[in-house]
């Protein structure tokens, strides 16, 4: 039997449409803290993430004192990670 306690509970906002939920899950995003490491442009490339979902996610991040990563931060992380 596998124990799923090691996976953190999702804190993504309620009200996301099913396509957006599936897109985020398929990309491995379950928590707002994960979304704060990617840019809006990167997230918008996921099939199922539209303007409504982006707005909900942006408001949820703001409510937690977070924001999407700036494009320059994302590029810096990618170049320093490899």
PDB file of N, CA and C in Angstrom:
ATOM      1  N   UNK A   1       0.829  -1.185   0.000  1.00  0.00           N
ATOM      2  CA  UNK A   1       0.000   0.000   0.000  1.00  0.00           C
ATOM      3  C   UNK A   1       0.871   1.245   0.000  1.00  0.00           C
ATOM      4  N   UNK A   2       0.422   2.236  -0.714  1.00  0.00           N
ATOM      5  CA  UNK A   2       1.192   3.478  -0.731  1.00  0.00           C
ATOM      6  C   UNK A   2       0.562   4.484   0.220  1.00  0.00           C
ATOM      7  N   UNK A   3       1.408   5.248   0.847  1.00  0.00           N
ATOM      8  CA  UNK A   3       0.959   6.269   1.777  1.00  0.00           C
ATOM      9  C   UNK A   3       1.074   7.614   1.084  1.00  0.00           C
ATOM     10  N   UNK A   4      -0.023   8.322   0.940  1.00  0.00           N
ATOM     11  CA  UNK A   4      -0.019   9.580   0.201  1.00  0.00           C
ATOM     12  C   UNK A   4       0.170  10.795   1.106  1.00  0.00           C
ATOM     13  N   UNK A   5       0.575  10.587   2.347  1.00  0.00           N
ATOM     14  CA  UNK A   5       0.746  11.710   3.253  1.00  0.00           C
ATOM     15  C   UNK A   5       1.886  12.623   2.823  1.00  0.00           C
ATOM     16  N   UNK A   6       2.836  12.109   2.057  1.00  0.00           N
ATOM     17  CA  UNK A   6       3.959  12.945   1.660  1.00  0.00           C
ATOM     18  C   UNK A   6       3.566  13.994   0.626  1.00  0.00           C
ATOM     19  N   UNK A   7       2.427  13.812  -0.060  1.00  0.00           N
ATOM     20  CA  UNK A   7       1.982  14.800  -1.031  1.00  0.00           C
ATOM     21  C   UNK A   7       1.230  15.915  -0.311  1.00  0.00           C
ATOM     22  N   UNK A   8       1.652  17.163  -0.511  1.00  0.00           N
ATOM     23  CA  UNK A   8       0.966  18.259   0.163  1.00  0.00           C
ATOM     24  C   UNK A   8      -0.442  18.445  -0.396  1.00  0.00           C
ATOM     25  N   UNK A   9      -1.338  18.847   0.472  1.00  0.00           N
ATOM     26  CA  UNK A   9      -2.710  19.116   0.068  1.00  0.00           C
ATOM     27  C   UNK A   9      -2.739  20.332  -0.850  1.00  0.00           C
ATOM     28  N   UNK A  10      -3.629  20.315  -1.807  1.00  0.00           N
ATOM     29  CA  UNK A  10      -3.756  21.432  -2.731  1.00  0.00           C
ATOM     30  C   UNK A  10      -4.349  22.638  -2.019  1.00  0.00           C
ATOM     31  N   UNK A  11      -3.822  23.815  -2.327  1.00  0.00           N
ATOM     32  CA  UNK A  11      -4.419  25.047  -1.825  1.00  0.00           C
ATOM     33  C   UNK A  11      -4.790  25.966  -2.983  1.00  0.00           C
ATOM     34  N   UNK A  12      -5.008  25.367  -4.152  1.00  0.00           N
ATOM     35  CA  UNK A  12      -5.434  26.144  -5.308  1.00  0.00           C
ATOM     36  C   UNK A  12      -6.859  26.633  -5.077  1.00  0.00           C
ATOM     37  N   UNK A  13      -7.222  27.759  -5.687  1.00  0.00           N
ATOM     38  CA  UNK A  13      -8.541  28.334  -5.411  1.00  0.00           C
ATOM     39  C   UNK A  13      -9.687  27.466  -5.919  1.00  0.00           C
ATOM     40  N   UNK A  14     -10.780  27.506  -5.181  1.00  0.00           N
ATOM     41  CA  UNK A  14     -11.992  26.853  -5.658  1.00  0.00           C
ATOM     42  C   UNK A  14     -12.573  27.734  -6.759  1.00  0.00           C
ATOM     43  N   UNK A  15     -13.359  27.163  -7.606  1.00  0.00           N
ATOM     44  CA  UNK A  15     -13.953  27.935  -8.692  1.00  0.00           C
ATOM     45  C   UNK A  15     -13.216  27.800 -10.006  1.00  0.00           C
ATOM     46  N   UNK A  16     -12.065  27.128  -9.989  1.00  0.00           N
ATOM     47  CA  UNK A  16     -11.356  26.887 -11.245  1.00  0.00           C
ATOM     48  C   UNK A  16     -12.153  25.896 -12.082  1.00  0.00           C
ATOM     49  N   UNK A  17     -12.274  26.159 -13.360  1.00  0.00           N
ATOM     50  CA  UNK A  17     -12.974  25.250 -14.259  1.00  0.00           C
ATOM     51  C   UNK A  17     -12.213  23.932 -14.355  1.00  0.00           C
ATOM     52  N   UNK A  18     -12.921  22.870 -14.674  1.00  0.00           N
ATOM     53  CA  UNK A  18     -12.300  21.540 -14.763  1.00  0.00           C
ATOM     54  C   UNK A  18     -11.107  21.515 -15.725  1.00  0.00           C
ATOM     55  N   UNK A  19     -11.195  22.144 -16.908  1.00  0.00           N
ATOM     56  CA  UNK A  19     -10.011  22.119 -17.786  1.00  0.00           C
ATOM     57  C   UNK A  19      -8.782  22.751 -17.138  1.00  0.00           C
ATOM     58  N   UNK A  20      -8.987  23.822 -16.392  1.00  0.00           N
ATOM     59  CA  UNK A  20      -7.865  24.474 -15.705  1.00  0.00           C
ATOM     60  C   UNK A  20      -7.322  23.575 -14.603  1.00  0.00           C
ATOM     61  N   UNK A  21      -8.212  22.929 -13.860  1.00  0.00           N
ATOM     62  CA  UNK A  21      -7.777  22.004 -12.812  1.00  0.00           C
ATOM     63  C   UNK A  21      -6.962  20.864 -13.404  1.00  0.00           C
ATOM     64  N   UNK A  22      -7.431  20.316 -14.517  1.00  0.00           N
ATOM     65  CA  UNK A  22      -6.706  19.211 -15.165  1.00  0.00           C
ATOM     66  C   UNK A  22      -5.352  19.672 -15.690  1.00  0.00           C
ATOM     67  N   UNK A  23      -5.306  20.865 -16.270  1.00  0.00           N
ATOM     68  CA  UNK A  23      -4.047  21.387 -16.806  1.00  0.00           C
ATOM     69  C   UNK A  23      -3.020  21.574 -15.695  1.00  0.00           C
ATOM     70  N   UNK A  24      -3.452  22.138 -14.585  1.00  0.00           N
ATOM     71  CA  UNK A  24      -2.539  22.351 -13.461  1.00  0.00           C
ATOM     72  C   UNK A  24      -2.064  21.026 -12.880  1.00  0.00           C
ATOM     73  N   UNK A  25      -2.985  20.088 -12.725  1.00  0.00           N
ATOM     74  CA  UNK A  25      -2.619  18.777 -12.175  1.00  0.00           C
ATOM     75  C   UNK A  25      -1.648  18.051 -13.098  1.00  0.00           C
ATOM     76  N   UNK A  26      -1.906  18.102 -14.396  1.00  0.00           N
ATOM     77  CA  UNK A  26      -1.034  17.422 -15.356  1.00  0.00           C
ATOM     78  C   UNK A  26       0.373  18.016 -15.354  1.00  0.00           C
ATOM     79  N   UNK A  27       0.469  19.315 -15.087  1.00  0.00           N
ATOM     80  CA  UNK A  27       1.774  19.981 -15.037  1.00  0.00           C
ATOM     81  C   UNK A  27       2.432  19.846 -13.664  1.00  0.00           C
ATOM     82  N   UNK A  28       1.729  19.232 -12.708  1.00  0.00           N
ATOM     83  CA  UNK A  28       2.307  18.998 -11.388  1.00  0.00           C
ATOM     84  C   UNK A  28       2.096  20.116 -10.391  1.00  0.00           C
ATOM     85  N   UNK A  29       1.219  21.059 -10.698  1.00  0.00           N
ATOM     86  CA  UNK A  29       0.965  22.178  -9.788  1.00  0.00           C
ATOM     87  C   UNK A  29      -0.192  21.844  -8.860  1.00  0.00           C
ATOM     88  N   UNK A  30       0.090  21.815  -7.554  1.00  0.00           N
ATOM     89  CA  UNK A  30      -0.943  21.546  -6.550  1.00  0.00           C
ATOM     90  C   UNK A  30      -1.037  22.669  -5.517  1.00  0.00           C
ATOM     91  N   UNK A  31      -0.020  23.521  -5.470  1.00  0.00           N
ATOM     92  CA  UNK A  31       0.019  24.554  -4.438  1.00  0.00           C
ATOM     93  C   UNK A  31       0.360  25.911  -5.045  1.00  0.00           C
ATOM     94  N   UNK A  32      -0.147  26.956  -4.405  1.00  0.00           N
ATOM     95  CA  UNK A  32       0.118  28.315  -4.871  1.00  0.00           C
ATOM     96  C   UNK A  32       1.609  28.625  -4.847  1.00  0.00           C
ATOM     97  N   UNK A  33       2.322  28.075  -3.869  1.00  0.00           N
ATOM     98  CA  UNK A  33       3.763  28.320  -3.778  1.00  0.00           C
ATOM     99  C   UNK A  33       4.486  27.832  -5.033  1.00  0.00           C
ATOM    100  N   UNK A  34       3.986  26.781  -5.644  1.00  0.00           N
ATOM    101  CA  UNK A  34       4.583  26.286  -6.885  1.00  0.00           C
ATOM    102  C   UNK A  34       4.325  27.265  -8.026  1.00  0.00           C
ATOM    103  N   UNK A  35       3.125  27.841  -8.056  1.00  0.00           N
ATOM    104  CA  UNK A  35       2.782  28.781  -9.123  1.00  0.00           C
ATOM    105  C   UNK A  35       3.582  30.069  -9.016  1.00  0.00           C
ATOM    106  N   UNK A  36       4.023  30.417  -7.818  1.00  0.00           N
ATOM    107  CA  UNK A  36       4.813  31.631  -7.626  1.00  0.00           C
ATOM    108  C   UNK A  36       6.201  31.506  -8.251  1.00  0.00           C
ATOM    109  N   UNK A  37       6.568  30.310  -8.676  1.00  0.00           N
ATOM    110  CA  UNK A  37       7.881  30.086  -9.292  1.00  0.00           C
ATOM    111  C   UNK A  37       7.834  30.122 -10.814  1.00  0.00           C
ATOM    112  N   UNK A  38       6.644  30.313 -11.384  1.00  0.00           N
ATOM    113  CA  UNK A  38       6.507  30.383 -12.838  1.00  0.00           C
ATOM    114  C   UNK A  38       5.871  31.713 -13.217  1.00  0.00           C
ATOM    115  N   UNK A  39       6.089  32.120 -14.443  1.00  0.00           N
ATOM    116  CA  UNK A  39       5.519  33.382 -14.909  1.00  0.00           C
ATOM    117  C   UNK A  39       4.101  33.167 -15.424  1.00  0.00           C
ATOM    118  N   UNK A  40       3.360  34.249 -15.527  1.00  0.00           N
ATOM    119  CA  UNK A  40       2.014  34.179 -16.094  1.00  0.00           C
ATOM    120  C   UNK A  40       2.077  33.669 -17.526  1.00  0.00           C
ATOM    121  N   UNK A  41       3.082  34.102 -18.269  1.00  0.00           N
ATOM    122  CA  UNK A  41       3.205  33.675 -19.665  1.00  0.00           C
ATOM    123  C   UNK A  41       3.397  32.166 -19.762  1.00  0.00           C
ATOM    124  N   UNK A  42       4.207  31.610 -18.877  1.00  0.00           N
ATOM    125  CA  UNK A  42       4.416  30.158 -18.888  1.00  0.00           C
ATOM    126  C   UNK A  42       3.130  29.421 -18.546  1.00  0.00           C
ATOM    127  N   UNK A  43       2.431  29.899 -17.546  1.00  0.00           N
ATOM    128  CA  UNK A  43       1.199  29.248 -17.119  1.00  0.00           C
ATOM    129  C   UNK A  43       0.125  29.359 -18.199  1.00  0.00           C
ATOM    130  N   UNK A  44       0.075  30.488 -18.875  1.00  0.00           N
ATOM    131  CA  UNK A  44      -0.928  30.702 -19.919  1.00  0.00           C
ATOM    132  C   UNK A  44      -0.736  29.756 -21.097  1.00  0.00           C
ATOM    133  N   UNK A  45       0.442  29.184 -21.240  1.00  0.00           N
ATOM    134  CA  UNK A  45       0.693  28.247 -22.332  1.00  0.00           C
ATOM    135  C   UNK A  45       0.039  26.892 -22.099  1.00  0.00           C
ATOM    136  N   UNK A  46      -0.383  26.616 -20.869  1.00  0.00           N
ATOM    137  CA  UNK A  46      -1.034  25.341 -20.582  1.00  0.00           C
ATOM    138  C   UNK A  46      -2.431  25.339 -21.189  1.00  0.00           C
ATOM    139  N   UNK A  47      -2.759  24.276 -21.900  1.00  0.00           N
ATOM    140  CA  UNK A  47      -4.089  24.142 -22.480  1.00  0.00           C
ATOM    141  C   UNK A  47      -5.099  23.996 -21.345  1.00  0.00           C
ATOM    142  N   UNK A  48      -6.061  24.899 -21.286  1.00  0.00           N
ATOM    143  CA  UNK A  48      -7.058  24.881 -20.225  1.00  0.00           C
ATOM    144  C   UNK A  48      -6.950  26.077 -19.297  1.00  0.00           C
ATOM    145  N   UNK A  49      -5.843  26.807 -19.393  1.00  0.00           N
ATOM    146  CA  UNK A  49      -5.670  28.005 -18.567  1.00  0.00           C
ATOM    147  C   UNK A  49      -6.014  29.221 -19.419  1.00  0.00           C
ATOM    148  N   UNK A  50      -7.142  29.819 -19.111  1.00  0.00           N
ATOM    149  CA  UNK A  50      -7.590  31.002 -19.841  1.00  0.00           C
ATOM    150  C   UNK A  50      -7.601  32.217 -18.939  1.00  0.00           C
ATOM    151  N   UNK A  51      -8.174  33.314 -19.435  1.00  0.00           N
ATOM    152  CA  UNK A  51      -8.198  34.556 -18.656  1.00  0.00           C
ATOM    153  C   UNK A  51      -8.902  34.427 -17.307  1.00  0.00           C
ATOM    154  N   UNK A  52     -10.010  33.683 -17.248  1.00  0.00           N
ATOM    155  CA  UNK A  52     -10.735  33.532 -15.978  1.00  0.00           C
ATOM    156  C   UNK A  52      -9.873  32.784 -14.960  1.00  0.00           C
ATOM    157  N   UNK A  53      -9.281  31.672 -15.376  1.00  0.00           N
ATOM    158  CA  UNK A  53      -8.426  30.896 -14.470  1.00  0.00           C
ATOM    159  C   UNK A  53      -7.228  31.732 -14.029  1.00  0.00           C
ATOM    160  N   UNK A  54      -6.646  32.468 -14.958  1.00  0.00           N
ATOM    161  CA  UNK A  54      -5.485  33.291 -14.619  1.00  0.00           C
ATOM    162  C   UNK A  54      -5.862  34.341 -13.574  1.00  0.00           C
ATOM    163  N   UNK A  55      -7.035  34.938 -13.722  1.00  0.00           N
ATOM    164  CA  UNK A  55      -7.493  35.926 -12.748  1.00  0.00           C
ATOM    165  C   UNK A  55      -7.707  35.320 -11.370  1.00  0.00           C
ATOM    166  N   UNK A  56      -8.332  34.150 -11.329  1.00  0.00           N
ATOM    167  CA  UNK A  56      -8.544  33.463 -10.049  1.00  0.00           C
ATOM    168  C   UNK A  56      -7.217  33.130  -9.380  1.00  0.00           C
ATOM    169  N   UNK A  57      -6.275  32.636 -10.159  1.00  0.00           N
ATOM    170  CA  UNK A  57      -4.965  32.274  -9.613  1.00  0.00           C
ATOM    171  C   UNK A  57      -4.210  33.509  -9.128  1.00  0.00           C
ATOM    172  N   UNK A  58      -4.286  34.585  -9.905  1.00  0.00           N
ATOM    173  CA  UNK A  58      -3.601  35.826  -9.525  1.00  0.00           C
ATOM    174  C   UNK A  58      -4.154  36.353  -8.195  1.00  0.00           C
ATOM    175  N   UNK A  59      -5.488  36.355  -8.055  1.00  0.00           N
ATOM    176  CA  UNK A  59      -6.105  36.833  -6.810  1.00  0.00           C
ATOM    177  C   UNK A  59      -5.751  35.926  -5.628  1.00  0.00           C
ATOM    178  N   UNK A  60      -5.721  34.632  -5.858  1.00  0.00           N
ATOM    179  CA  UNK A  60      -5.369  33.692  -4.785  1.00  0.00           C
ATOM    180  C   UNK A  60      -3.921  33.892  -4.346  1.00  0.00           C
ATOM    181  N   UNK A  61      -3.026  34.095  -5.303  1.00  0.00           N
ATOM    182  CA  UNK A  61      -1.624  34.355  -4.966  1.00  0.00           C
ATOM    183  C   UNK A  61      -1.506  35.639  -4.143  1.00  0.00           C
ATOM    184  N   UNK A  62      -2.183  36.687  -4.595  1.00  0.00           N
ATOM    185  CA  UNK A  62      -2.129  37.973  -3.899  1.00  0.00           C
ATOM    186  C   UNK A  62      -2.639  37.847  -2.470  1.00  0.00           C
ATOM    187  N   UNK A  63      -3.709  37.088  -2.280  1.00  0.00           N
ATOM    188  CA  UNK A  63      -4.277  36.896  -0.943  1.00  0.00           C
ATOM    189  C   UNK A  63      -3.295  36.202  -0.002  1.00  0.00           C
ATOM    190  N   UNK A  64      -2.374  35.425  -0.562  1.00  0.00           N
ATOM    191  CA  UNK A  64      -1.368  34.726   0.243  1.00  0.00           C
ATOM    192  C   UNK A  64      -0.048  35.492   0.312  1.00  0.00           C
ATOM    193  N   UNK A  65      -0.028  36.703  -0.255  1.00  0.00           N
ATOM    194  CA  UNK A  65       1.198  37.492  -0.252  1.00  0.00           C
ATOM    195  C   UNK A  65       2.206  37.026  -1.288  1.00  0.00           C
ATOM    196  N   UNK A  66       1.726  36.333  -2.316  1.00  0.00           N
ATOM    197  CA  UNK A  66       2.589  35.801  -3.374  1.00  0.00           C
ATOM    198  C   UNK A  66       2.239  36.452  -4.700  1.00  0.00           C
ATOM    199  N   UNK A  67       3.053  36.197  -5.708  1.00  0.00           N
ATOM    200  CA  UNK A  67       2.762  36.645  -7.068  1.00  0.00           C
ATOM    201  C   UNK A  67       3.469  35.714  -8.040  1.00  0.00           C
ATOM    202  N   UNK A  68       3.058  35.802  -9.294  1.00  0.00           N
ATOM    203  CA  UNK A  68       3.750  35.025 -10.317  1.00  0.00           C
ATOM    204  C   UNK A  68       5.181  35.535 -10.438  1.00  0.00           C
ATOM    205  N   UNK A  69       6.072  34.681 -10.875  1.00  0.00           N
ATOM    206  CA  UNK A  69       7.467  35.077 -11.076  1.00  0.00           C
ATOM    207  C   UNK A  69       7.553  36.025 -12.265  1.00  0.00           C
ATOM    208  N   UNK A  70       8.477  36.952 -12.198  1.00  0.00           N
ATOM    209  CA  UNK A  70       8.740  37.825 -13.337  1.00  0.00           C
ATOM    210  C   UNK A  70       9.468  37.013 -14.398  1.00  0.00           C
ATOM    211  N   UNK A  71       9.296  37.397 -15.648  1.00  0.00           N
ATOM    212  CA  UNK A  71       9.953  36.675 -16.743  1.00  0.00           C
ATOM    213  C   UNK A  71      11.459  36.586 -16.524  1.00  0.00           C
ATOM    214  N   UNK A  72      12.078  37.658 -16.023  1.00  0.00           N
ATOM    215  CA  UNK A  72      13.529  37.647 -15.814  1.00  0.00           C
ATOM    216  C   UNK A  72      13.924  36.656 -14.724  1.00  0.00           C
ATOM    217  N   UNK A  73      13.093  36.511 -13.691  1.00  0.00           N
ATOM    218  CA  UNK A  73      13.392  35.553 -12.623  1.00  0.00           C
ATOM    219  C   UNK A  73      13.317  34.130 -13.142  1.00  0.00           C
ATOM    220  N   UNK A  74      12.343  33.853 -13.992  1.00  0.00           N
ATOM    221  CA  UNK A  74      12.171  32.510 -14.535  1.00  0.00           C
ATOM    222  C   UNK A  74      13.365  32.156 -15.400  1.00  0.00           C
ATOM    223  N   UNK A  75      13.820  33.081 -16.217  1.00  0.00           N
ATOM    224  CA  UNK A  75      14.984  32.836 -17.064  1.00  0.00           C
ATOM    225  C   UNK A  75      16.241  32.621 -16.246  1.00  0.00           C
ATOM    226  N   UNK A  76      16.397  33.396 -15.168  1.00  0.00           N
ATOM    227  CA  UNK A  76      17.560  33.245 -14.295  1.00  0.00           C
ATOM    228  C   UNK A  76      17.564  31.887 -13.616  1.00  0.00           C
ATOM    229  N   UNK A  77      16.403  31.421 -13.169  1.00  0.00           N
ATOM    230  CA  UNK A  77      16.314  30.122 -12.511  1.00  0.00           C
ATOM    231  C   UNK A  77      16.645  29.004 -13.480  1.00  0.00           C
ATOM    232  N   UNK A  78      16.174  29.117 -14.708  1.00  0.00           N
ATOM    233  CA  UNK A  78      16.415  28.065 -15.695  1.00  0.00           C
ATOM    234  C   UNK A  78      17.896  27.983 -16.054  1.00  0.00           C
ATOM    235  N   UNK A  79      18.558  29.136 -16.185  1.00  0.00           N
ATOM    236  CA  UNK A  79      19.959  29.107 -16.585  1.00  0.00           C
ATOM    237  C   UNK A  79      20.875  28.683 -15.441  1.00  0.00           C
ATOM    238  N   UNK A  80      20.477  28.963 -14.205  1.00  0.00           N
ATOM    239  CA  UNK A  80      21.337  28.586 -13.085  1.00  0.00           C
ATOM    240  C   UNK A  80      21.064  27.174 -12.587  1.00  0.00           C
ATOM    241  N   UNK A  81      19.943  26.578 -13.001  1.00  0.00           N
ATOM    242  CA  UNK A  81      19.591  25.254 -12.518  1.00  0.00           C
ATOM    243  C   UNK A  81      20.283  24.122 -13.230  1.00  0.00           C
ATOM    244  N   UNK A  82      20.767  24.330 -14.423  1.00  0.00           N
ATOM    245  CA  UNK A  82      21.344  23.209 -15.170  1.00  0.00           C
ATOM    246  C   UNK A  82      22.814  23.205 -15.161  1.00  0.00           C
TER     247      UNK A  82
END
